[in-house]
Amino acid sequence: MTRITLVTPADATGPVEQTFAEIKSAFGVVPNMFRAVANSPAALASMWGSFGALGGGRLGARLGQQIAVAIADRNNCNYCLAAHTVLGQKAGASVQKMAQAQGGRSADPRTQAALAFAIKVVDARADIAAADVDALRAAGFDDGEVVEIIAHVALNLFTNYVNVALDVPVDFPGVKLTRAA
């Protein structure tokens, strides 16, 4: 059971009510993660704004979702793993590609490079080497895309930490974590 109150759309006012309307328009409902974060209007605005900005970024929705499931599995976040698996499939990734991405793997060399980099950023707490960035460049990523991958990592750490720390109930079809805790 969640460790904080989930704000209901009926109880939302002001900026939270407006953001909830945008979220509902995108998802058809207001998922529990946003209801938890809505306890802080500033945090909700930050999270929703980041999703919007990165959703329109150069990496594309599918790669963003593949990065998200790799990070979720790394952080043992059932909520994000479930949500981003669904969103990745909606962005055109097959069930198999999303399962591979969850484990940090892809048959596509460019996607593989992005996943390996994202996982290394998480595991090394961003203390990476020049060679790690060079590997992304060799796979065809430019400096802007390198920064965007790091932005995806940061957003996913935020959402993972919210969901794990606050035990937010998963309201997407469950996906089994593959990484041992």
N, C-alpha and C. Protein backbone atom coordinates (compact mmCIF):
# COMPACT_ATOMS: atom_id res chain seq x y z
N MET A 1 0.85 -1.19 0.00
CA MET A 1 0.00 0.00 0.00
C MET A 1 0.89 1.24 0.00
N THR A 2 0.48 2.21 -0.74
CA THR A 2 1.28 3.43 -0.86
C THR A 2 1.55 4.07 0.50
N ARG A 3 2.68 4.71 0.60
CA ARG A 3 3.11 5.34 1.85
C ARG A 3 2.65 6.78 1.99
N ILE A 4 2.04 7.32 0.94
CA ILE A 4 1.47 8.67 0.99
C ILE A 4 0.10 8.65 0.32
N THR A 5 -0.64 9.70 0.51
CA THR A 5 -1.96 9.82 -0.09
C THR A 5 -1.85 10.00 -1.60
N LEU A 6 -2.69 9.32 -2.32
CA LEU A 6 -2.80 9.53 -3.76
C LEU A 6 -3.87 10.59 -3.98
N VAL A 7 -3.49 11.70 -4.57
CA VAL A 7 -4.42 12.79 -4.81
C VAL A 7 -5.41 12.34 -5.89
N THR A 8 -6.68 12.48 -5.62
CA THR A 8 -7.68 12.09 -6.62
C THR A 8 -7.95 13.27 -7.55
N PRO A 9 -8.31 12.98 -8.78
CA PRO A 9 -8.66 14.08 -9.69
C PRO A 9 -9.78 14.96 -9.13
N ALA A 10 -10.71 14.36 -8.38
CA ALA A 10 -11.81 15.15 -7.80
C ALA A 10 -11.31 16.13 -6.74
N ASP A 11 -10.21 15.80 -6.08
CA ASP A 11 -9.66 16.67 -5.04
C ASP A 11 -8.62 17.66 -5.57
N ALA A 12 -8.22 17.52 -6.81
CA ALA A 12 -7.19 18.38 -7.38
C ALA A 12 -7.74 19.77 -7.66
N THR A 13 -6.92 20.78 -7.38
CA THR A 13 -7.30 22.16 -7.64
C THR A 13 -6.12 22.89 -8.29
N GLY A 14 -6.39 24.04 -8.86
CA GLY A 14 -5.36 24.91 -9.40
C GLY A 14 -4.46 24.21 -10.42
N PRO A 15 -3.15 24.41 -10.28
CA PRO A 15 -2.21 23.84 -11.25
C PRO A 15 -2.28 22.31 -11.32
N VAL A 16 -2.53 21.65 -10.19
CA VAL A 16 -2.61 20.19 -10.19
C VAL A 16 -3.82 19.75 -11.02
N GLU A 17 -4.93 20.43 -10.87
CA GLU A 17 -6.13 20.10 -11.65
C GLU A 17 -5.85 20.26 -13.14
N GLN A 18 -5.15 21.31 -13.51
CA GLN A 18 -4.82 21.54 -14.92
C GLN A 18 -3.88 20.45 -15.45
N THR A 19 -2.88 20.11 -14.66
CA THR A 19 -1.93 19.07 -15.08
C THR A 19 -2.64 17.72 -15.17
N PHE A 20 -3.50 17.43 -14.21
CA PHE A 20 -4.26 16.18 -14.26
C PHE A 20 -5.10 16.11 -15.54
N ALA A 21 -5.67 17.22 -15.97
CA ALA A 21 -6.47 17.23 -17.20
C ALA A 21 -5.59 16.86 -18.40
N GLU A 22 -4.37 17.37 -18.43
CA GLU A 22 -3.44 17.03 -19.51
C GLU A 22 -3.04 15.55 -19.45
N ILE A 23 -2.79 15.06 -18.25
CA ILE A 23 -2.40 13.66 -18.07
C ILE A 23 -3.55 12.74 -18.48
N LYS A 24 -4.76 13.09 -18.07
CA LYS A 24 -5.92 12.28 -18.43
C LYS A 24 -6.13 12.28 -19.94
N SER A 25 -5.88 13.41 -20.57
CA SER A 25 -6.00 13.49 -22.02
C SER A 25 -4.99 12.55 -22.71
N ALA A 26 -3.81 12.44 -22.13
CA ALA A 26 -2.77 11.58 -22.71
C ALA A 26 -2.99 10.10 -22.44
N PHE A 27 -3.46 9.76 -21.23
CA PHE A 27 -3.57 8.36 -20.81
C PHE A 27 -4.99 7.83 -20.74
N GLY A 28 -5.97 8.71 -20.71
CA GLY A 28 -7.35 8.29 -20.51
C GLY A 28 -7.73 8.23 -19.04
N VAL A 29 -6.73 8.21 -18.17
CA VAL A 29 -6.88 8.22 -16.71
C VAL A 29 -5.69 8.98 -16.14
N VAL A 30 -5.71 9.21 -14.85
CA VAL A 30 -4.54 9.77 -14.17
C VAL A 30 -3.88 8.62 -13.42
N PRO A 31 -2.76 8.10 -13.96
CA PRO A 31 -2.09 6.97 -13.31
C PRO A 31 -1.63 7.29 -11.88
N ASN A 32 -1.54 6.25 -11.07
CA ASN A 32 -1.21 6.41 -9.65
C ASN A 32 0.09 7.16 -9.40
N MET A 33 1.10 6.99 -10.24
CA MET A 33 2.35 7.69 -10.02
C MET A 33 2.13 9.19 -9.99
N PHE A 34 1.37 9.71 -10.94
CA PHE A 34 1.11 11.15 -10.98
C PHE A 34 0.26 11.58 -9.79
N ARG A 35 -0.64 10.71 -9.35
CA ARG A 35 -1.46 11.02 -8.18
C ARG A 35 -0.61 11.11 -6.92
N ALA A 36 0.44 10.29 -6.84
CA ALA A 36 1.35 10.37 -5.70
C ALA A 36 2.18 11.66 -5.76
N VAL A 37 2.73 11.94 -6.92
CA VAL A 37 3.58 13.11 -7.09
C VAL A 37 2.79 14.41 -6.93
N ALA A 38 1.50 14.37 -7.18
CA ALA A 38 0.66 15.57 -7.09
C ALA A 38 0.60 16.15 -5.68
N ASN A 39 1.09 15.43 -4.69
CA ASN A 39 1.19 16.00 -3.35
C ASN A 39 2.10 17.23 -3.36
N SER A 40 2.99 17.32 -4.33
CA SER A 40 3.82 18.50 -4.55
C SER A 40 3.52 19.03 -5.94
N PRO A 41 2.77 20.14 -6.05
CA PRO A 41 2.50 20.69 -7.39
C PRO A 41 3.78 20.99 -8.18
N ALA A 42 4.83 21.41 -7.50
CA ALA A 42 6.09 21.70 -8.19
C ALA A 42 6.70 20.42 -8.76
N ALA A 43 6.70 19.34 -7.98
CA ALA A 43 7.24 18.07 -8.46
C ALA A 43 6.41 17.53 -9.62
N LEU A 44 5.09 17.67 -9.53
CA LEU A 44 4.22 17.20 -10.62
C LEU A 44 4.51 17.99 -11.90
N ALA A 45 4.63 19.31 -11.78
CA ALA A 45 4.92 20.14 -12.95
C ALA A 45 6.26 19.76 -13.55
N SER A 46 7.25 19.51 -12.71
CA SER A 46 8.57 19.11 -13.17
C SER A 46 8.52 17.78 -13.91
N MET A 47 7.87 16.80 -13.31
CA MET A 47 7.80 15.47 -13.92
C MET A 47 7.04 15.50 -15.24
N TRP A 48 5.87 16.10 -15.23
CA TRP A 48 5.04 16.12 -16.44
C TRP A 48 5.72 16.94 -17.54
N GLY A 49 6.33 18.04 -17.16
CA GLY A 49 7.05 18.85 -18.13
C GLY A 49 8.22 18.10 -18.74
N SER A 50 8.92 17.33 -17.94
CA SER A 50 10.04 16.54 -18.44
C SER A 50 9.57 15.46 -19.41
N PHE A 51 8.47 14.80 -19.07
CA PHE A 51 7.92 13.80 -20.00
C PHE A 51 7.58 14.45 -21.33
N GLY A 52 6.95 15.61 -21.28
CA GLY A 52 6.58 16.31 -22.51
C GLY A 52 7.79 16.72 -23.32
N ALA A 53 8.78 17.31 -22.65
CA ALA A 53 9.97 17.78 -23.36
C ALA A 53 10.74 16.62 -23.99
N LEU A 54 10.96 15.57 -23.23
CA LEU A 54 11.73 14.44 -23.76
C LEU A 54 10.92 13.64 -24.77
N GLY A 55 9.60 13.62 -24.61
CA GLY A 55 8.76 12.93 -25.59
C GLY A 55 8.87 13.55 -26.97
N GLY A 56 9.18 14.84 -27.02
CA GLY A 56 9.36 15.52 -28.29
C GLY A 56 10.82 15.64 -28.68
N GLY A 57 11.69 14.92 -28.00
CA GLY A 57 13.13 15.01 -28.25
C GLY A 57 13.56 14.23 -29.49
N ARG A 58 14.83 14.28 -29.74
CA ARG A 58 15.40 13.67 -30.94
C ARG A 58 15.58 12.16 -30.84
N LEU A 59 15.61 11.61 -29.64
CA LEU A 59 15.82 10.16 -29.51
C LEU A 59 14.62 9.36 -29.98
N GLY A 60 13.45 9.95 -29.90
CA GLY A 60 12.23 9.25 -30.29
C GLY A 60 11.62 8.49 -29.12
N ALA A 61 10.34 8.28 -29.22
CA ALA A 61 9.59 7.65 -28.13
C ALA A 61 10.05 6.22 -27.87
N ARG A 62 10.28 5.45 -28.90
CA ARG A 62 10.63 4.04 -28.70
C ARG A 62 11.94 3.90 -27.93
N LEU A 63 12.98 4.61 -28.34
CA LEU A 63 14.26 4.51 -27.63
C LEU A 63 14.11 5.05 -26.21
N GLY A 64 13.35 6.10 -26.03
CA GLY A 64 13.12 6.62 -24.68
C GLY A 64 12.48 5.57 -23.78
N GLN A 65 11.53 4.82 -24.33
CA GLN A 65 10.86 3.78 -23.54
C GLN A 65 11.79 2.59 -23.29
N GLN A 66 12.64 2.29 -24.25
CA GLN A 66 13.60 1.20 -24.05
C GLN A 66 14.60 1.56 -22.95
N ILE A 67 15.05 2.79 -22.95
CA ILE A 67 15.93 3.25 -21.86
C ILE A 67 15.18 3.15 -20.54
N ALA A 68 13.92 3.56 -20.52
CA ALA A 68 13.13 3.55 -19.29
C ALA A 68 13.00 2.15 -18.69
N VAL A 69 12.77 1.13 -19.51
CA VAL A 69 12.62 -0.21 -18.95
C VAL A 69 13.95 -0.76 -18.45
N ALA A 70 15.04 -0.40 -19.13
CA ALA A 70 16.36 -0.84 -18.65
C ALA A 70 16.67 -0.22 -17.29
N ILE A 71 16.35 1.04 -17.12
CA ILE A 71 16.60 1.73 -15.85
C ILE A 71 15.65 1.20 -14.78
N ALA A 72 14.39 0.97 -15.13
CA ALA A 72 13.42 0.44 -14.16
C ALA A 72 13.86 -0.92 -13.64
N ASP A 73 14.33 -1.78 -14.53
CA ASP A 73 14.78 -3.09 -14.09
C ASP A 73 16.00 -2.96 -13.19
N ARG A 74 16.89 -2.06 -13.52
CA ARG A 74 18.10 -1.81 -12.72
C ARG A 74 17.74 -1.38 -11.31
N ASN A 75 16.67 -0.57 -11.20
CA ASN A 75 16.26 -0.01 -9.91
C ASN A 75 15.13 -0.77 -9.23
N ASN A 76 14.80 -1.94 -9.78
CA ASN A 76 13.73 -2.76 -9.21
C ASN A 76 12.42 -2.00 -9.06
N CYS A 77 12.08 -1.22 -10.09
CA CYS A 77 10.85 -0.44 -10.07
C CYS A 77 9.77 -1.14 -10.90
N ASN A 78 8.93 -1.88 -10.21
CA ASN A 78 7.83 -2.59 -10.87
C ASN A 78 6.90 -1.63 -11.60
N TYR A 79 6.62 -0.49 -10.99
CA TYR A 79 5.68 0.47 -11.58
C TYR A 79 6.19 0.94 -12.94
N CYS A 80 7.41 1.46 -12.98
CA CYS A 80 7.94 2.00 -14.24
C CYS A 80 8.15 0.91 -15.27
N LEU A 81 8.57 -0.26 -14.84
CA LEU A 81 8.74 -1.36 -15.78
C LEU A 81 7.41 -1.66 -16.47
N ALA A 82 6.34 -1.74 -15.70
CA ALA A 82 5.01 -2.02 -16.27
C ALA A 82 4.56 -0.89 -17.19
N ALA A 83 4.64 0.34 -16.71
CA ALA A 83 4.15 1.48 -17.49
C ALA A 83 4.93 1.65 -18.79
N HIS A 84 6.25 1.62 -18.70
CA HIS A 84 7.06 1.88 -19.89
C HIS A 84 7.07 0.71 -20.87
N THR A 85 6.78 -0.49 -20.41
CA THR A 85 6.62 -1.61 -21.33
C THR A 85 5.40 -1.36 -22.22
N VAL A 86 4.30 -0.95 -21.61
CA VAL A 86 3.09 -0.62 -22.38
C VAL A 86 3.36 0.54 -23.33
N LEU A 87 4.00 1.60 -22.81
CA LEU A 87 4.26 2.78 -23.64
C LEU A 87 5.24 2.47 -24.77
N GLY A 88 6.21 1.60 -24.51
CA GLY A 88 7.14 1.19 -25.56
C GLY A 88 6.45 0.44 -26.68
N GLN A 89 5.51 -0.42 -26.31
CA GLN A 89 4.75 -1.15 -27.32
C GLN A 89 3.89 -0.18 -28.13
N LYS A 90 3.32 0.81 -27.46
CA LYS A 90 2.53 1.83 -28.18
C LYS A 90 3.42 2.65 -29.11
N ALA A 91 4.71 2.76 -28.77
CA ALA A 91 5.66 3.51 -29.60
C ALA A 91 6.25 2.65 -30.72
N GLY A 92 5.81 1.40 -30.83
CA GLY A 92 6.22 0.56 -31.94
C GLY A 92 7.22 -0.53 -31.64
N ALA A 93 7.63 -0.68 -30.39
CA ALA A 93 8.56 -1.75 -30.04
C ALA A 93 7.77 -3.03 -29.75
N SER A 94 8.26 -4.12 -30.23
CA SER A 94 7.59 -5.40 -29.99
C SER A 94 7.77 -5.81 -28.52
N VAL A 95 6.99 -6.78 -28.11
CA VAL A 95 7.13 -7.34 -26.76
C VAL A 95 8.56 -7.85 -26.58
N GLN A 96 9.09 -8.52 -27.60
CA GLN A 96 10.44 -9.06 -27.52
C GLN A 96 11.48 -7.95 -27.39
N LYS A 97 11.35 -6.88 -28.16
CA LYS A 97 12.32 -5.78 -28.08
C LYS A 97 12.28 -5.10 -26.72
N MET A 98 11.08 -4.99 -26.15
CA MET A 98 10.97 -4.37 -24.83
C MET A 98 11.57 -5.29 -23.77
N ALA A 99 11.39 -6.60 -23.89
CA ALA A 99 11.99 -7.55 -22.95
C ALA A 99 13.51 -7.51 -23.06
N GLN A 100 14.02 -7.43 -24.28
CA GLN A 100 15.47 -7.33 -24.46
C GLN A 100 16.00 -6.03 -23.84
N ALA A 101 15.31 -4.93 -24.09
CA ALA A 101 15.74 -3.64 -23.54
C ALA A 101 15.73 -3.66 -22.02
N GLN A 102 14.77 -4.35 -21.45
CA GLN A 102 14.71 -4.47 -19.99
C GLN A 102 16.02 -5.03 -19.46
N GLY A 103 16.61 -5.95 -20.18
CA GLY A 103 17.89 -6.54 -19.80
C GLY A 103 19.09 -5.77 -20.33
N GLY A 104 18.83 -4.61 -20.93
CA GLY A 104 19.92 -3.79 -21.46
C GLY A 104 20.48 -4.27 -22.77
N ARG A 105 19.67 -5.00 -23.54
CA ARG A 105 20.14 -5.58 -24.79
C ARG A 105 19.27 -5.14 -25.97
N SER A 106 19.91 -5.07 -27.12
CA SER A 106 19.20 -4.83 -28.38
C SER A 106 20.04 -5.36 -29.52
N ALA A 107 19.37 -5.90 -30.54
CA ALA A 107 20.07 -6.36 -31.74
C ALA A 107 20.52 -5.17 -32.59
N ASP A 108 19.89 -4.01 -32.40
CA ASP A 108 20.26 -2.81 -33.13
C ASP A 108 21.47 -2.16 -32.44
N PRO A 109 22.59 -1.99 -33.14
CA PRO A 109 23.81 -1.46 -32.50
C PRO A 109 23.63 -0.08 -31.87
N ARG A 110 22.86 0.78 -32.50
CA ARG A 110 22.63 2.13 -31.96
C ARG A 110 21.84 2.06 -30.65
N THR A 111 20.77 1.27 -30.64
CA THR A 111 19.98 1.10 -29.42
C THR A 111 20.81 0.43 -28.34
N GLN A 112 21.60 -0.57 -28.71
CA GLN A 112 22.46 -1.25 -27.75
C GLN A 112 23.43 -0.27 -27.10
N ALA A 113 24.02 0.61 -27.90
CA ALA A 113 24.96 1.60 -27.35
C ALA A 113 24.25 2.53 -26.36
N ALA A 114 23.05 2.96 -26.69
CA ALA A 114 22.30 3.85 -25.79
C ALA A 114 21.95 3.15 -24.49
N LEU A 115 21.50 1.90 -24.58
CA LEU A 115 21.13 1.15 -23.38
C LEU A 115 22.35 0.90 -22.49
N ALA A 116 23.45 0.49 -23.10
CA ALA A 116 24.68 0.23 -22.33
C ALA A 116 25.14 1.50 -21.62
N PHE A 117 25.08 2.63 -22.32
CA PHE A 117 25.49 3.90 -21.74
C PHE A 117 24.56 4.28 -20.57
N ALA A 118 23.26 4.19 -20.79
CA ALA A 118 22.30 4.55 -19.75
C ALA A 118 22.50 3.71 -18.50
N ILE A 119 22.68 2.42 -18.67
CA ILE A 119 22.90 1.53 -17.52
C ILE A 119 24.21 1.88 -16.82
N LYS A 120 25.23 2.19 -17.60
CA LYS A 120 26.51 2.55 -16.99
C LYS A 120 26.38 3.85 -16.19
N VAL A 121 25.63 4.81 -16.72
CA VAL A 121 25.41 6.07 -15.99
C VAL A 121 24.75 5.77 -14.64
N VAL A 122 23.77 4.88 -14.64
CA VAL A 122 23.09 4.53 -13.38
C VAL A 122 24.04 3.79 -12.46
N ASP A 123 24.67 2.75 -12.96
CA ASP A 123 25.51 1.91 -12.11
C ASP A 123 26.72 2.68 -11.56
N ALA A 124 27.28 3.58 -12.36
CA ALA A 124 28.47 4.33 -11.94
C ALA A 124 28.12 5.67 -11.31
N ARG A 125 26.81 5.89 -11.14
CA ARG A 125 26.34 7.18 -10.61
C ARG A 125 26.95 8.33 -11.39
N ALA A 126 26.95 8.17 -12.71
CA ALA A 126 27.39 9.15 -13.69
C ALA A 126 28.90 9.33 -13.76
N ASP A 127 29.66 8.57 -12.99
CA ASP A 127 31.12 8.68 -13.03
C ASP A 127 31.64 7.81 -14.17
N ILE A 128 31.41 8.30 -15.38
CA ILE A 128 31.77 7.55 -16.58
C ILE A 128 33.07 8.11 -17.17
N ALA A 129 33.60 7.40 -18.15
CA ALA A 129 34.85 7.80 -18.80
C ALA A 129 34.57 8.41 -20.16
N ALA A 130 35.54 9.11 -20.68
CA ALA A 130 35.44 9.69 -22.02
C ALA A 130 35.15 8.60 -23.04
N ALA A 131 35.69 7.42 -22.83
CA ALA A 131 35.47 6.30 -23.76
C ALA A 131 33.99 5.91 -23.83
N ASP A 132 33.26 6.11 -22.75
CA ASP A 132 31.82 5.79 -22.75
C ASP A 132 31.06 6.73 -23.68
N VAL A 133 31.41 8.00 -23.64
CA VAL A 133 30.78 8.97 -24.55
C VAL A 133 31.26 8.72 -25.98
N ASP A 134 32.52 8.39 -26.14
CA ASP A 134 33.06 8.09 -27.46
C ASP A 134 32.34 6.90 -28.10
N ALA A 135 31.97 5.92 -27.29
CA ALA A 135 31.24 4.75 -27.80
C ALA A 135 29.88 5.17 -28.35
N LEU A 136 29.22 6.12 -27.69
CA LEU A 136 27.95 6.63 -28.21
C LEU A 136 28.16 7.35 -29.53
N ARG A 137 29.19 8.17 -29.59
CA ARG A 137 29.47 8.88 -30.85
C ARG A 137 29.75 7.88 -31.98
N ALA A 138 30.48 6.83 -31.67
CA ALA A 138 30.79 5.81 -32.68
C ALA A 138 29.52 5.12 -33.17
N ALA A 139 28.49 5.09 -32.32
CA ALA A 139 27.22 4.48 -32.70
C ALA A 139 26.30 5.46 -33.43
N GLY A 140 26.78 6.70 -33.60
CA GLY A 140 26.01 7.66 -34.38
C GLY A 140 25.29 8.73 -33.58
N PHE A 141 25.53 8.81 -32.29
CA PHE A 141 24.89 9.83 -31.46
C PHE A 141 25.73 11.10 -31.46
N ASP A 142 25.07 12.25 -31.55
CA ASP A 142 25.78 13.51 -31.44
C ASP A 142 25.69 14.02 -29.99
N ASP A 143 26.33 15.14 -29.72
CA ASP A 143 26.37 15.65 -28.35
C ASP A 143 24.99 15.92 -27.77
N GLY A 144 24.09 16.45 -28.59
CA GLY A 144 22.73 16.71 -28.11
C GLY A 144 22.03 15.43 -27.71
N GLU A 145 22.21 14.38 -28.47
CA GLU A 145 21.58 13.10 -28.15
C GLU A 145 22.22 12.46 -26.92
N VAL A 146 23.51 12.67 -26.72
CA VAL A 146 24.17 12.17 -25.51
C VAL A 146 23.53 12.83 -24.28
N VAL A 147 23.37 14.14 -24.35
CA VAL A 147 22.73 14.86 -23.24
C VAL A 147 21.30 14.38 -23.04
N GLU A 148 20.60 14.13 -24.13
CA GLU A 148 19.22 13.66 -24.03
C GLU A 148 19.12 12.29 -23.37
N ILE A 149 20.06 11.41 -23.66
CA ILE A 149 20.08 10.10 -22.99
C ILE A 149 20.24 10.30 -21.49
N ILE A 150 21.14 11.19 -21.10
CA ILE A 150 21.33 11.46 -19.67
C ILE A 150 20.06 12.06 -19.07
N ALA A 151 19.36 12.91 -19.81
CA ALA A 151 18.10 13.47 -19.32
C ALA A 151 17.06 12.37 -19.11
N HIS A 152 17.01 11.40 -20.03
CA HIS A 152 16.09 10.27 -19.85
C HIS A 152 16.46 9.48 -18.59
N VAL A 153 17.75 9.27 -18.38
CA VAL A 153 18.19 8.56 -17.18
C VAL A 153 17.73 9.31 -15.94
N ALA A 154 17.95 10.62 -15.91
CA ALA A 154 17.59 11.42 -14.74
C ALA A 154 16.09 11.38 -14.48
N LEU A 155 15.28 11.53 -15.52
CA LEU A 155 13.83 11.47 -15.34
C LEU A 155 13.40 10.11 -14.82
N ASN A 156 14.01 9.06 -15.36
CA ASN A 156 13.63 7.72 -14.91
C ASN A 156 14.10 7.42 -13.50
N LEU A 157 15.22 7.98 -13.09
CA LEU A 157 15.62 7.84 -11.69
C LEU A 157 14.59 8.51 -10.79
N PHE A 158 14.14 9.70 -11.17
CA PHE A 158 13.11 10.42 -10.41
C PHE A 158 11.86 9.56 -10.28
N THR A 159 11.35 9.04 -11.39
CA THR A 159 10.11 8.26 -11.32
C THR A 159 10.33 6.94 -10.59
N ASN A 160 11.46 6.29 -10.82
CA ASN A 160 11.75 5.04 -10.10
C ASN A 160 11.79 5.27 -8.60
N TYR A 161 12.47 6.31 -8.18
CA TYR A 161 12.62 6.59 -6.75
C TYR A 161 11.27 6.91 -6.12
N VAL A 162 10.45 7.68 -6.81
CA VAL A 162 9.11 7.97 -6.29
C VAL A 162 8.34 6.67 -6.09
N ASN A 163 8.31 5.85 -7.11
CA ASN A 163 7.49 4.64 -7.06
C ASN A 163 7.99 3.60 -6.07
N VAL A 164 9.30 3.43 -5.99
CA VAL A 164 9.86 2.45 -5.07
C VAL A 164 9.77 2.97 -3.63
N ALA A 165 10.21 4.19 -3.40
CA ALA A 165 10.23 4.74 -2.04
C ALA A 165 8.83 4.87 -1.45
N LEU A 166 7.86 5.24 -2.29
CA LEU A 166 6.51 5.48 -1.79
C LEU A 166 5.57 4.30 -2.00
N ASP A 167 6.09 3.21 -2.57
CA ASP A 167 5.32 1.98 -2.80
C ASP A 167 4.01 2.29 -3.54
N VAL A 168 4.14 2.99 -4.65
CA VAL A 168 2.97 3.38 -5.44
C VAL A 168 2.37 2.13 -6.09
N PRO A 169 1.06 1.91 -5.93
CA PRO A 169 0.42 0.74 -6.52
C PRO A 169 0.48 0.77 -8.05
N VAL A 170 0.88 -0.35 -8.63
CA VAL A 170 1.00 -0.46 -10.09
C VAL A 170 -0.39 -0.55 -10.69
N ASP A 171 -0.67 0.33 -11.65
CA ASP A 171 -1.97 0.32 -12.31
C ASP A 171 -1.82 0.11 -13.82
N PHE A 172 -0.78 -0.60 -14.21
CA PHE A 172 -0.54 -1.05 -15.59
C PHE A 172 -0.35 -2.56 -15.52
N PRO A 173 -0.50 -3.27 -16.64
CA PRO A 173 -0.27 -4.73 -16.60
C PRO A 173 1.16 -5.04 -16.11
N GLY A 174 1.27 -5.91 -15.14
CA GLY A 174 2.54 -6.22 -14.51
C GLY A 174 3.54 -6.88 -15.45
N VAL A 175 4.82 -6.57 -15.22
CA VAL A 175 5.92 -7.18 -15.96
C VAL A 175 6.93 -7.63 -14.89
N LYS A 176 7.46 -8.83 -15.06
CA LYS A 176 8.39 -9.37 -14.07
C LYS A 176 9.76 -8.73 -14.21
N LEU A 177 10.29 -8.29 -13.08
CA LEU A 177 11.67 -7.79 -13.04
C LEU A 177 12.61 -8.94 -13.34
N THR A 178 13.72 -8.65 -14.02
CA THR A 178 14.66 -9.72 -14.34
C THR A 178 15.95 -9.61 -13.53
N ARG A 179 16.25 -8.43 -13.04
CA ARG A 179 17.49 -8.22 -12.30
C ARG A 179 17.29 -8.65 -10.85
N ALA A 180 18.23 -9.39 -10.32
CA ALA A 180 18.14 -9.80 -8.91
C ALA A 180 18.36 -8.57 -8.03
N ALA A 181 17.58 -8.46 -7.01
CA ALA A 181 17.68 -7.31 -6.09
C ALA A 181 19.00 -7.33 -5.36
